[in-house]
Amino acid sequence: MEQTNATFWSGFIFLAFSSFGELQLLLFALFLSLYLITLTSNVFIVVVIRLDSCLHTPMYLFLSFLAFSETCYTLGIIPRMLSGLVRGGQGISFVGCAVQMFFSASWACSNCFLLAAMGFDRYVAICAPLHYASRMNLTLCAQLVGTSFLSGYLFGLGMTLVIFHLPFCSSHEIQHFFCDTPPVLSLACGDTALSELGILILSLLVLLVSFSLISVSYTYILATILRISSTKGQKKAFSTCASHLTVVTIHYGCASFMYLRPKDSYSLEWDQLIAVTYTVVTPLLNPIIYSLRNRAVQTALRNAFQGGLLGKG
């Protein structure tokens, strides 16, 4: 039986930002500030929706779970990244890396399916408003949320198994700040063509299935809006979708660029920049977009803030 010279490492070392020198402290301050705002904003969105009875509708139920998912996603990545910026290259065990990849991939995939569920909610609200209350009942909402998270976990598990069944031998230094699939896969020994194909297929399934569902929903939504006779009515109908469409554009734009590119187009600098975008910036944009563009959320936030001030007074 042919022997290989593979060495199985017990862990990995993150080397992202190691070439920035003294700028690492500046990056630490910047990322810490953005992370605290992200964490506070998403938690606040969840709490406000939970406490304000006016927001106990399917649309805001999905938004609260999206905020919860984004919070869990960032918790698994950013604290370790911040620690690495202060301490320099930081290690993670083999099992720890697999666990981080599983949860980060699971939450990311869950977000895709949650966005598809939110698109279906907007479809029912605009295309069948008279039947909205009966169709988008609590049971269906719970089923859509449960299916989104279950699907995310299954795809996350699949991506993790595709990569971590391989031996790692050439290096244990990850040129990244968390265990994402492309940088970890690049450290594997031997022929990784099948694993690369597996990751591509799983990524395509997640993105294409969820995006196709969103596209179908918005095809019907657009057709319904165009049949509205008044321009004011069209703008009012479309405004209920604007926040969701903005988040979808940002989310799928970053995910597609990161996971659907040809292998020969990978670049360390670009990968880290895009990774910062979807791990630090995008989770921050979600609550900002919904807060700025949604009057009901704005009113609930204002009432919560004023109530807090009055309570203290």
C-alpha atoms as a PDB file:
ATOM      1  CA  MET A   1       0.000   0.000   0.000  1.00  0.00           C
ATOM      2  CA  GLU A   2       1.468   3.377  -1.006  1.00  0.00           C
ATOM      3  CA  GLN A   3       2.646   5.531   1.887  1.00  0.00           C
ATOM      4  CA  THR A   4       2.350   9.299   1.971  1.00  0.00           C
ATOM      5  CA  ASN A   5       4.403  11.856   3.815  1.00  0.00           C
ATOM      6  CA  ALA A   6       1.317  13.602   5.191  1.00  0.00           C
ATOM      7  CA  THR A   7       1.677  15.092   8.637  1.00  0.00           C
ATOM      8  CA  PHE A   8      -1.521  15.578  10.572  1.00  0.00           C
ATOM      9  CA  TRP A   9      -1.462  18.880  12.405  1.00  0.00           C
ATOM     10  CA  SER A  10      -3.278  19.222  15.723  1.00  0.00           C
ATOM     11  CA  GLY A  11      -4.218  22.815  14.977  1.00  0.00           C
ATOM     12  CA  PHE A  12      -3.910  25.930  12.835  1.00  0.00           C
ATOM     13  CA  ILE A  13      -2.595  29.465  13.221  1.00  0.00           C
ATOM     14  CA  PHE A  14      -4.389  32.519  11.862  1.00  0.00           C
ATOM     15  CA  LEU A  15      -2.054  34.945  10.103  1.00  0.00           C
ATOM     16  CA  ALA A  16      -4.518  37.466   8.701  1.00  0.00           C
ATOM     17  CA  PHE A  17      -3.450  41.080   9.258  1.00  0.00           C
ATOM     18  CA  SER A  18      -0.022  39.888  10.462  1.00  0.00           C
ATOM     19  CA  SER A  19       1.651  42.094   7.843  1.00  0.00           C
ATOM     20  CA  PHE A  20      -0.100  45.245   9.084  1.00  0.00           C
ATOM     21  CA  GLY A  21       2.306  45.764  11.982  1.00  0.00           C
ATOM     22  CA  GLU A  22       1.340  48.674  14.222  1.00  0.00           C
ATOM     23  CA  LEU A  23      -1.848  49.194  12.216  1.00  0.00           C
ATOM     24  CA  GLN A  24      -3.274  46.093  13.916  1.00  0.00           C
ATOM     25  CA  LEU A  25      -4.172  48.144  16.997  1.00  0.00           C
ATOM     26  CA  LEU A  26      -5.973  50.650  14.783  1.00  0.00           C
ATOM     27  CA  LEU A  27      -7.841  47.792  13.079  1.00  0.00           C
ATOM     28  CA  PHE A  28      -8.664  46.363  16.493  1.00  0.00           C
ATOM     29  CA  ALA A  29     -10.237  49.654  17.592  1.00  0.00           C
ATOM     30  CA  LEU A  30     -12.162  49.968  14.314  1.00  0.00           C
ATOM     31  CA  PHE A  31     -13.458  46.383  14.262  1.00  0.00           C
ATOM     32  CA  LEU A  32     -14.278  46.438  17.978  1.00  0.00           C
ATOM     33  CA  SER A  33     -16.353  49.596  17.529  1.00  0.00           C
ATOM     34  CA  LEU A  34     -18.206  48.138  14.537  1.00  0.00           C
ATOM     35  CA  TYR A  35     -18.753  44.850  16.359  1.00  0.00           C
ATOM     36  CA  LEU A  36     -20.183  46.495  19.475  1.00  0.00           C
ATOM     37  CA  ILE A  37     -22.557  48.523  17.305  1.00  0.00           C
ATOM     38  CA  THR A  38     -23.526  45.382  15.372  1.00  0.00           C
ATOM     39  CA  LEU A  39     -24.102  43.332  18.507  1.00  0.00           C
ATOM     40  CA  THR A  40     -26.079  46.080  20.223  1.00  0.00           C
ATOM     41  CA  SER A  41     -28.178  46.843  17.142  1.00  0.00           C
ATOM     42  CA  ASN A  42     -29.141  43.238  16.414  1.00  0.00           C
ATOM     43  CA  VAL A  43     -29.899  42.436  20.057  1.00  0.00           C
ATOM     44  CA  PHE A  44     -31.935  45.630  20.307  1.00  0.00           C
ATOM     45  CA  ILE A  45     -33.911  44.680  17.197  1.00  0.00           C
ATOM     46  CA  VAL A  46     -34.735  41.259  18.696  1.00  0.00           C
ATOM     47  CA  VAL A  47     -35.759  42.742  22.055  1.00  0.00           C
ATOM     48  CA  VAL A  48     -37.858  45.558  20.569  1.00  0.00           C
ATOM     49  CA  ILE A  49     -39.738  43.193  18.254  1.00  0.00           C
ATOM     50  CA  ARG A  50     -40.321  40.853  21.168  1.00  0.00           C
ATOM     51  CA  LEU A  51     -41.669  43.596  23.458  1.00  0.00           C
ATOM     52  CA  ASP A  52     -43.685  45.709  20.990  1.00  0.00           C
ATOM     53  CA  SER A  53     -47.014  44.025  20.228  1.00  0.00           C
ATOM     54  CA  CYS A  54     -47.388  46.130  17.053  1.00  0.00           C
ATOM     55  CA  LEU A  55     -44.438  44.204  15.592  1.00  0.00           C
ATOM     56  CA  HIS A  56     -45.823  40.733  16.324  1.00  0.00           C
ATOM     57  CA  THR A  57     -46.332  39.984  12.633  1.00  0.00           C
ATOM     58  CA  PRO A  58     -44.626  37.433  10.350  1.00  0.00           C
ATOM     59  CA  MET A  59     -42.474  40.096   8.666  1.00  0.00           C
ATOM     60  CA  TYR A  60     -40.912  41.206  11.951  1.00  0.00           C
ATOM     61  CA  LEU A  61     -40.777  37.671  13.300  1.00  0.00           C
ATOM     62  CA  PHE A  62     -38.501  36.747  10.386  1.00  0.00           C
ATOM     63  CA  LEU A  63     -36.494  39.948  10.923  1.00  0.00           C
ATOM     64  CA  SER A  64     -35.932  39.084  14.585  1.00  0.00           C
ATOM     65  CA  PHE A  65     -34.657  35.611  13.677  1.00  0.00           C
ATOM     66  CA  LEU A  66     -32.400  37.127  11.002  1.00  0.00           C
ATOM     67  CA  ALA A  67     -30.968  39.488  13.630  1.00  0.00           C
ATOM     68  CA  PHE A  68     -30.541  36.543  16.024  1.00  0.00           C
ATOM     69  CA  SER A  69     -28.789  34.519  13.321  1.00  0.00           C
ATOM     70  CA  GLU A  70     -26.454  37.407  12.463  1.00  0.00           C
ATOM     71  CA  THR A  71     -25.629  37.813  16.165  1.00  0.00           C
ATOM     72  CA  CYS A  72     -24.692  34.139  16.522  1.00  0.00           C
ATOM     73  CA  TYR A  73     -22.708  34.279  13.266  1.00  0.00           C
ATOM     74  CA  THR A  74     -20.561  37.195  14.422  1.00  0.00           C
ATOM     75  CA  LEU A  75     -20.098  35.761  17.923  1.00  0.00           C
ATOM     76  CA  GLY A  76     -18.356  32.741  16.435  1.00  0.00           C
ATOM     77  CA  ILE A  77     -15.892  34.790  14.383  1.00  0.00           C
ATOM     78  CA  ILE A  78     -15.216  38.358  15.473  1.00  0.00           C
ATOM     79  CA  PRO A  79     -14.167  37.919  19.158  1.00  0.00           C
ATOM     80  CA  ARG A  80     -11.383  35.527  18.104  1.00  0.00           C
ATOM     81  CA  MET A  81     -10.378  37.888  15.284  1.00  0.00           C
ATOM     82  CA  LEU A  82     -10.157  40.790  17.743  1.00  0.00           C
ATOM     83  CA  SER A  83      -8.071  38.685  20.105  1.00  0.00           C
ATOM     84  CA  GLY A  84      -5.723  37.827  17.228  1.00  0.00           C
ATOM     85  CA  LEU A  85      -5.253  41.515  16.368  1.00  0.00           C
ATOM     86  CA  VAL A  86      -4.053  42.178  19.931  1.00  0.00           C
ATOM     87  CA  ARG A  87      -1.974  39.034  20.488  1.00  0.00           C
ATOM     88  CA  GLY A  88      -0.722  38.484  16.937  1.00  0.00           C
ATOM     89  CA  GLY A  89      -1.016  35.106  15.214  1.00  0.00           C
ATOM     90  CA  GLN A  90      -3.462  33.052  17.249  1.00  0.00           C
ATOM     91  CA  GLY A  91      -3.913  29.314  17.189  1.00  0.00           C
ATOM     92  CA  ILE A  92      -7.028  27.171  16.996  1.00  0.00           C
ATOM     93  CA  SER A  93      -7.266  23.435  17.422  1.00  0.00           C
ATOM     94  CA  PHE A  94      -8.214  21.122  14.584  1.00  0.00           C
ATOM     95  CA  VAL A  95     -11.548  20.359  16.247  1.00  0.00           C
ATOM     96  CA  GLY A  96     -12.064  24.024  17.114  1.00  0.00           C
ATOM     97  CA  CYS A  97     -11.521  24.989  13.483  1.00  0.00           C
ATOM     98  CA  ALA A  98     -14.043  22.397  12.323  1.00  0.00           C
ATOM     99  CA  VAL A  99     -16.587  23.603  14.892  1.00  0.00           C
ATOM    100  CA  GLN A 100     -16.083  27.231  13.867  1.00  0.00           C
ATOM    101  CA  MET A 101     -16.503  26.358  10.195  1.00  0.00           C
ATOM    102  CA  PHE A 102     -19.634  24.331  10.901  1.00  0.00           C
ATOM    103  CA  PHE A 103     -21.372  27.088  12.838  1.00  0.00           C
ATOM    104  CA  SER A 104     -20.273  29.960  10.592  1.00  0.00           C
ATOM    105  CA  ALA A 105     -21.375  28.048   7.472  1.00  0.00           C
ATOM    106  CA  SER A 106     -24.622  26.975   9.150  1.00  0.00           C
ATOM    107  CA  TRP A 107     -25.616  30.495  10.186  1.00  0.00           C
ATOM    108  CA  ALA A 108     -24.631  31.895   6.787  1.00  0.00           C
ATOM    109  CA  CYS A 109     -26.753  29.289   4.972  1.00  0.00           C
ATOM    110  CA  SER A 110     -29.628  29.816   7.403  1.00  0.00           C
ATOM    111  CA  ASN A 111     -29.576  33.530   6.571  1.00  0.00           C
ATOM    112  CA  CYS A 112     -30.052  32.706   2.885  1.00  0.00           C
ATOM    113  CA  PHE A 113     -33.140  30.623   3.609  1.00  0.00           C
ATOM    114  CA  LEU A 114     -34.501  33.182   6.080  1.00  0.00           C
ATOM    115  CA  LEU A 115     -34.221  35.847   3.370  1.00  0.00           C
ATOM    116  CA  ALA A 116     -36.163  33.504   1.053  1.00  0.00           C
ATOM    117  CA  ALA A 117     -38.855  33.103   3.735  1.00  0.00           C
ATOM    118  CA  MET A 118     -39.025  36.892   4.090  1.00  0.00           C
ATOM    119  CA  GLY A 119     -39.471  37.150   0.315  1.00  0.00           C
ATOM    120  CA  PHE A 120     -42.381  34.705   0.461  1.00  0.00           C
ATOM    121  CA  ASP A 121     -43.921  36.770   3.257  1.00  0.00           C
ATOM    122  CA  ARG A 122     -43.741  39.908   1.085  1.00  0.00           C
ATOM    123  CA  TYR A 123     -45.278  37.942  -1.811  1.00  0.00           C
ATOM    124  CA  VAL A 124     -48.318  36.939   0.241  1.00  0.00           C
ATOM    125  CA  ALA A 125     -48.670  40.454   1.733  1.00  0.00           C
ATOM    126  CA  ILE A 126     -48.711  42.171  -1.680  1.00  0.00           C
ATOM    127  CA  CYS A 127     -50.197  39.556  -4.001  1.00  0.00           C
ATOM    128  CA  ALA A 128     -52.847  38.139  -1.645  1.00  0.00           C
ATOM    129  CA  PRO A 129     -53.407  40.784   1.052  1.00  0.00           C
ATOM    130  CA  LEU A 130     -56.944  39.607   1.888  1.00  0.00           C
ATOM    131  CA  HIS A 131     -55.614  36.126   2.722  1.00  0.00           C
ATOM    132  CA  TYR A 132     -52.425  37.270   4.457  1.00  0.00           C
ATOM    133  CA  ALA A 133     -53.618  36.686   8.023  1.00  0.00           C
ATOM    134  CA  SER A 134     -54.889  33.181   7.289  1.00  0.00           C
ATOM    135  CA  ARG A 135     -51.963  32.040   5.138  1.00  0.00           C
ATOM    136  CA  MET A 136     -49.077  33.545   7.106  1.00  0.00           C
ATOM    137  CA  ASN A 137     -50.188  32.092  10.423  1.00  0.00           C
ATOM    138  CA  LEU A 138     -47.930  31.318  13.369  1.00  0.00           C
ATOM    139  CA  THR A 139     -47.660  27.628  12.422  1.00  0.00           C
ATOM    140  CA  LEU A 140     -46.414  28.359   8.897  1.00  0.00           C
ATOM    141  CA  CYS A 141     -43.977  30.997  10.179  1.00  0.00           C
ATOM    142  CA  ALA A 142     -42.548  28.542  12.700  1.00  0.00           C
ATOM    143  CA  GLN A 143     -42.218  25.908   9.973  1.00  0.00           C
ATOM    144  CA  LEU A 144     -40.400  28.338   7.653  1.00  0.00           C
ATOM    145  CA  VAL A 145     -38.009  29.446  10.402  1.00  0.00           C
ATOM    146  CA  GLY A 146     -37.382  25.852  11.504  1.00  0.00           C
ATOM    147  CA  THR A 147     -36.779  24.718   7.930  1.00  0.00           C
ATOM    148  CA  SER A 148     -34.372  27.616   7.362  1.00  0.00           C
ATOM    149  CA  PHE A 149     -32.246  26.741  10.383  1.00  0.00           C
ATOM    150  CA  LEU A 150     -32.396  22.978   9.800  1.00  0.00           C
ATOM    151  CA  SER A 151     -31.373  23.427   6.150  1.00  0.00           C
ATOM    152  CA  GLY A 152     -28.563  25.732   7.217  1.00  0.00           C
ATOM    153  CA  TYR A 153     -27.231  23.189   9.717  1.00  0.00           C
ATOM    154  CA  LEU A 154     -27.354  20.364   7.165  1.00  0.00           C
ATOM    155  CA  PHE A 155     -25.484  22.360   4.531  1.00  0.00           C
ATOM    156  CA  GLY A 156     -23.010  23.609   7.131  1.00  0.00           C
ATOM    157  CA  LEU A 157     -22.355  20.038   8.241  1.00  0.00           C
ATOM    158  CA  GLY A 158     -21.916  18.941   4.623  1.00  0.00           C
ATOM    159  CA  MET A 159     -19.361  21.679   3.890  1.00  0.00           C
ATOM    160  CA  THR A 160     -17.426  20.889   7.064  1.00  0.00           C
ATOM    161  CA  LEU A 161     -17.291  17.146   6.358  1.00  0.00           C
ATOM    162  CA  VAL A 162     -16.232  17.715   2.738  1.00  0.00           C
ATOM    163  CA  ILE A 163     -13.152  19.605   3.943  1.00  0.00           C
ATOM    164  CA  PHE A 164     -12.212  17.950   7.227  1.00  0.00           C
ATOM    165  CA  HIS A 165     -12.158  14.404   5.907  1.00  0.00           C
ATOM    166  CA  LEU A 166      -8.942  15.433   4.121  1.00  0.00           C
ATOM    167  CA  PRO A 167      -5.450  15.222   5.644  1.00  0.00           C
ATOM    168  CA  PHE A 168      -3.560  18.486   6.252  1.00  0.00           C
ATOM    169  CA  CYS A 169       0.157  18.398   5.754  1.00  0.00           C
ATOM    170  CA  SER A 170       1.927  21.210   3.891  1.00  0.00           C
ATOM    171  CA  SER A 171       1.230  24.023   6.324  1.00  0.00           C
ATOM    172  CA  HIS A 172      -0.865  24.841   9.347  1.00  0.00           C
ATOM    173  CA  GLU A 173      -0.855  28.609   8.825  1.00  0.00           C
ATOM    174  CA  ILE A 174      -4.237  29.977   7.681  1.00  0.00           C
ATOM    175  CA  GLN A 175      -3.897  33.252   5.775  1.00  0.00           C
ATOM    176  CA  HIS A 176      -7.237  34.377   7.110  1.00  0.00           C
ATOM    177  CA  PHE A 177      -8.920  35.416  10.378  1.00  0.00           C
ATOM    178  CA  PHE A 178     -11.329  32.498  10.728  1.00  0.00           C
ATOM    179  CA  CYS A 179     -11.811  28.956   9.426  1.00  0.00           C
ATOM    180  CA  ASP A 180     -13.541  29.749   6.157  1.00  0.00           C
ATOM    181  CA  THR A 181     -13.765  27.059   3.493  1.00  0.00           C
ATOM    182  CA  PRO A 182     -11.379  28.399   0.762  1.00  0.00           C
ATOM    183  CA  PRO A 183      -8.328  29.141   3.001  1.00  0.00           C
ATOM    184  CA  VAL A 184      -8.660  25.902   4.993  1.00  0.00           C
ATOM    185  CA  LEU A 185      -9.136  23.793   1.866  1.00  0.00           C
ATOM    186  CA  SER A 186      -5.956  25.291   0.393  1.00  0.00           C
ATOM    187  CA  LEU A 187      -3.953  23.635   3.214  1.00  0.00           C
ATOM    188  CA  ALA A 188      -5.170  20.104   2.487  1.00  0.00           C
ATOM    189  CA  CYS A 189      -2.886  17.429   1.082  1.00  0.00           C
ATOM    190  CA  GLY A 190      -3.262  15.550  -2.158  1.00  0.00           C
ATOM    191  CA  ASP A 191      -5.902  15.998  -4.807  1.00  0.00           C
ATOM    192  CA  THR A 192      -8.636  18.329  -3.549  1.00  0.00           C
ATOM    193  CA  ALA A 193     -10.589  18.473  -6.823  1.00  0.00           C
ATOM    194  CA  LEU A 194     -13.511  16.412  -5.495  1.00  0.00           C
ATOM    195  CA  SER A 195     -13.695  18.469  -2.304  1.00  0.00           C
ATOM    196  CA  GLU A 196     -13.621  21.697  -4.306  1.00  0.00           C
ATOM    197  CA  LEU A 197     -16.418  20.359  -6.486  1.00  0.00           C
ATOM    198  CA  GLY A 198     -18.374  19.345  -3.401  1.00  0.00           C
ATOM    199  CA  ILE A 199     -18.070  22.817  -1.861  1.00  0.00           C
ATOM    200  CA  LEU A 200     -19.064  24.412  -5.168  1.00  0.00           C
ATOM    201  CA  ILE A 201     -22.141  22.170  -5.495  1.00  0.00           C
ATOM    202  CA  LEU A 202     -23.244  22.820  -1.905  1.00  0.00           C
ATOM    203  CA  SER A 203     -22.696  26.577  -2.296  1.00  0.00           C
ATOM    204  CA  LEU A 204     -24.615  26.594  -5.567  1.00  0.00           C
ATOM    205  CA  LEU A 205     -27.493  24.673  -3.991  1.00  0.00           C
ATOM    206  CA  VAL A 206     -27.786  27.102  -1.098  1.00  0.00           C
ATOM    207  CA  LEU A 207     -27.461  30.261  -3.164  1.00  0.00           C
ATOM    208  CA  LEU A 208     -29.425  29.176  -6.230  1.00  0.00           C
ATOM    209  CA  VAL A 209     -32.299  27.518  -4.363  1.00  0.00           C
ATOM    210  CA  SER A 210     -32.795  30.403  -1.942  1.00  0.00           C
ATOM    211  CA  PHE A 211     -32.218  33.092  -4.578  1.00  0.00           C
ATOM    212  CA  SER A 212     -34.564  31.323  -7.023  1.00  0.00           C
ATOM    213  CA  LEU A 213     -37.310  31.334  -4.384  1.00  0.00           C
ATOM    214  CA  ILE A 214     -36.717  35.046  -3.803  1.00  0.00           C
ATOM    215  CA  SER A 215     -36.735  35.715  -7.554  1.00  0.00           C
ATOM    216  CA  VAL A 216     -40.033  33.862  -8.044  1.00  0.00           C
ATOM    217  CA  SER A 217     -41.600  35.808  -5.166  1.00  0.00           C
ATOM    218  CA  TYR A 218     -40.484  39.132  -6.591  1.00  0.00           C
ATOM    219  CA  THR A 219     -41.575  38.232 -10.106  1.00  0.00           C
ATOM    220  CA  TYR A 220     -45.143  37.899  -8.829  1.00  0.00           C
ATOM    221  CA  ILE A 221     -44.710  40.974  -6.618  1.00  0.00           C
ATOM    222  CA  LEU A 222     -43.520  43.087  -9.556  1.00  0.00           C
ATOM    223  CA  ALA A 223     -46.387  41.868 -11.752  1.00  0.00           C
ATOM    224  CA  THR A 224     -48.866  42.772  -9.009  1.00  0.00           C
ATOM    225  CA  ILE A 225     -47.333  46.208  -8.430  1.00  0.00           C
ATOM    226  CA  LEU A 226     -47.434  47.026 -12.157  1.00  0.00           C
ATOM    227  CA  ARG A 227     -51.161  46.301 -12.175  1.00  0.00           C
ATOM    228  CA  ILE A 228     -51.772  48.962  -9.520  1.00  0.00           C
ATOM    229  CA  SER A 229     -53.262  51.978 -11.276  1.00  0.00           C
ATOM    230  CA  SER A 230     -51.875  54.800  -9.124  1.00  0.00           C
ATOM    231  CA  THR A 231     -48.190  55.703  -8.879  1.00  0.00           C
ATOM    232  CA  LYS A 232     -48.649  56.394  -5.165  1.00  0.00           C
ATOM    233  CA  GLY A 233     -50.026  52.903  -4.648  1.00  0.00           C
ATOM    234  CA  GLN A 234     -47.122  51.378  -6.545  1.00  0.00           C
ATOM    235  CA  LYS A 235     -44.582  53.271  -4.453  1.00  0.00           C
ATOM    236  CA  LYS A 236     -46.328  52.272  -1.228  1.00  0.00           C
ATOM    237  CA  ALA A 237     -46.356  48.598  -2.212  1.00  0.00           C
ATOM    238  CA  PHE A 238     -42.742  48.628  -3.331  1.00  0.00           C
ATOM    239  CA  SER A 239     -41.605  50.471  -0.186  1.00  0.00           C
ATOM    240  CA  THR A 240     -42.604  47.445   1.911  1.00  0.00           C
ATOM    241  CA  CYS A 241     -40.004  45.412  -0.022  1.00  0.00           C
ATOM    242  CA  ALA A 242     -37.198  47.980  -0.237  1.00  0.00           C
ATOM    243  CA  SER A 243     -35.393  46.991   2.976  1.00  0.00           C
ATOM    244  CA  HIS A 244     -35.543  43.291   2.150  1.00  0.00           C
ATOM    245  CA  LEU A 245     -34.298  43.849  -1.405  1.00  0.00           C
ATOM    246  CA  THR A 246     -31.366  45.952  -0.153  1.00  0.00           C
ATOM    247  CA  VAL A 247     -30.289  43.267   2.326  1.00  0.00           C
ATOM    248  CA  VAL A 248     -30.676  40.534  -0.327  1.00  0.00           C
ATOM    249  CA  THR A 249     -28.488  42.462  -2.782  1.00  0.00           C
ATOM    250  CA  ILE A 250     -25.683  42.935  -0.246  1.00  0.00           C
ATOM    251  CA  HIS A 251     -25.884  39.407   1.155  1.00  0.00           C
ATOM    252  CA  TYR A 252     -25.949  37.518  -2.149  1.00  0.00           C
ATOM    253  CA  GLY A 253     -23.440  39.845  -3.791  1.00  0.00           C
ATOM    254  CA  CYS A 254     -20.785  39.111  -1.160  1.00  0.00           C
ATOM    255  CA  ALA A 255     -21.595  35.383  -0.924  1.00  0.00           C
ATOM    256  CA  SER A 256     -21.527  34.853  -4.698  1.00  0.00           C
ATOM    257  CA  PHE A 257     -18.245  36.690  -5.116  1.00  0.00           C
ATOM    258  CA  MET A 258     -16.644  34.692  -2.310  1.00  0.00           C
ATOM    259  CA  TYR A 259     -17.853  31.156  -3.018  1.00  0.00           C
ATOM    260  CA  LEU A 260     -18.728  30.970  -6.711  1.00  0.00           C
ATOM    261  CA  ARG A 261     -15.486  32.303  -8.198  1.00  0.00           C
ATOM    262  CA  PRO A 262     -13.043  30.140 -10.158  1.00  0.00           C
ATOM    263  CA  LYS A 263     -10.176  28.896  -7.998  1.00  0.00           C
ATOM    264  CA  ASP A 264      -7.543  30.753 -10.026  1.00  0.00           C
ATOM    265  CA  SER A 265      -9.173  34.094  -9.161  1.00  0.00           C
ATOM    266  CA  TYR A 266      -8.590  33.730  -5.423  1.00  0.00           C
ATOM    267  CA  SER A 267      -6.473  36.482  -3.906  1.00  0.00           C
ATOM    268  CA  LEU A 268      -5.362  36.726  -0.274  1.00  0.00           C
ATOM    269  CA  GLU A 269      -5.957  40.474  -0.073  1.00  0.00           C
ATOM    270  CA  TRP A 270      -9.335  40.393  -1.828  1.00  0.00           C
ATOM    271  CA  ASP A 271     -10.507  37.353   0.155  1.00  0.00           C
ATOM    272  CA  GLN A 272      -9.770  39.070   3.452  1.00  0.00           C
ATOM    273  CA  LEU A 273     -11.441  42.289   2.305  1.00  0.00           C
ATOM    274  CA  ILE A 274     -14.593  40.468   1.163  1.00  0.00           C
ATOM    275  CA  ALA A 275     -14.571  38.365   4.344  1.00  0.00           C
ATOM    276  CA  VAL A 276     -14.444  41.529   6.462  1.00  0.00           C
ATOM    277  CA  THR A 277     -17.404  42.837   4.461  1.00  0.00           C
ATOM    278  CA  TYR A 278     -19.687  39.874   5.116  1.00  0.00           C
ATOM    279  CA  THR A 279     -18.535  39.149   8.681  1.00  0.00           C
ATOM    280  CA  VAL A 280     -18.278  42.707  10.037  1.00  0.00           C
ATOM    281  CA  VAL A 281     -20.074  45.142   7.717  1.00  0.00           C
ATOM    282  CA  THR A 282     -23.114  43.172   6.461  1.00  0.00           C
ATOM    283  CA  PRO A 283     -24.392  42.155   9.939  1.00  0.00           C
ATOM    284  CA  LEU A 284     -24.160  45.857  10.861  1.00  0.00           C
ATOM    285  CA  LEU A 285     -26.049  47.000   7.763  1.00  0.00           C
ATOM    286  CA  ASN A 286     -29.082  44.752   8.327  1.00  0.00           C
ATOM    287  CA  PRO A 287     -30.457  46.537  11.442  1.00  0.00           C
ATOM    288  CA  ILE A 288     -29.436  49.940  10.045  1.00  0.00           C
ATOM    289  CA  ILE A 289     -31.272  49.322   6.759  1.00  0.00           C
ATOM    290  CA  TYR A 290     -34.428  48.109   8.487  1.00  0.00           C
ATOM    291  CA  SER A 291     -34.278  50.898  11.072  1.00  0.00           C
ATOM    292  CA  LEU A 292     -33.813  53.652   8.488  1.00  0.00           C
ATOM    293  CA  ARG A 293     -36.311  52.387   5.910  1.00  0.00           C
ATOM    294  CA  ASN A 294     -39.057  50.926   8.104  1.00  0.00           C
ATOM    295  CA  ARG A 295     -41.359  53.337   9.939  1.00  0.00           C
ATOM    296  CA  ALA A 296     -42.795  50.693  12.251  1.00  0.00           C
ATOM    297  CA  VAL A 297     -39.308  49.722  13.467  1.00  0.00           C
ATOM    298  CA  GLN A 298     -38.379  53.397  13.803  1.00  0.00           C
ATOM    299  CA  THR A 299     -41.461  54.051  15.940  1.00  0.00           C
ATOM    300  CA  ALA A 300     -40.810  50.980  18.106  1.00  0.00           C
ATOM    301  CA  LEU A 301     -37.176  51.962  18.629  1.00  0.00           C
ATOM    302  CA  ARG A 302     -38.190  55.532  19.486  1.00  0.00           C
ATOM    303  CA  ASN A 303     -40.781  54.314  21.979  1.00  0.00           C
ATOM    304  CA  ALA A 304     -38.305  51.898  23.549  1.00  0.00           C
ATOM    305  CA  PHE A 305     -35.678  54.617  23.855  1.00  0.00           C
ATOM    306  CA  GLN A 306     -38.107  57.158  25.284  1.00  0.00           C
ATOM    307  CA  GLY A 307     -39.546  54.583  27.632  1.00  0.00           C
ATOM    308  CA  GLY A 308     -36.041  53.785  28.854  1.00  0.00           C
ATOM    309  CA  LEU A 309     -35.315  57.442  29.490  1.00  0.00           C
ATOM    310  CA  LEU A 310     -38.646  57.965  31.262  1.00  0.00           C
ATOM    311  CA  GLY A 311     -38.061  54.861  33.326  1.00  0.00           C
ATOM    312  CA  LYS A 312     -34.726  56.173  34.456  1.00  0.00           C
ATOM    313  CA  GLY A 313     -36.268  59.544  35.218  1.00  0.00           C
END
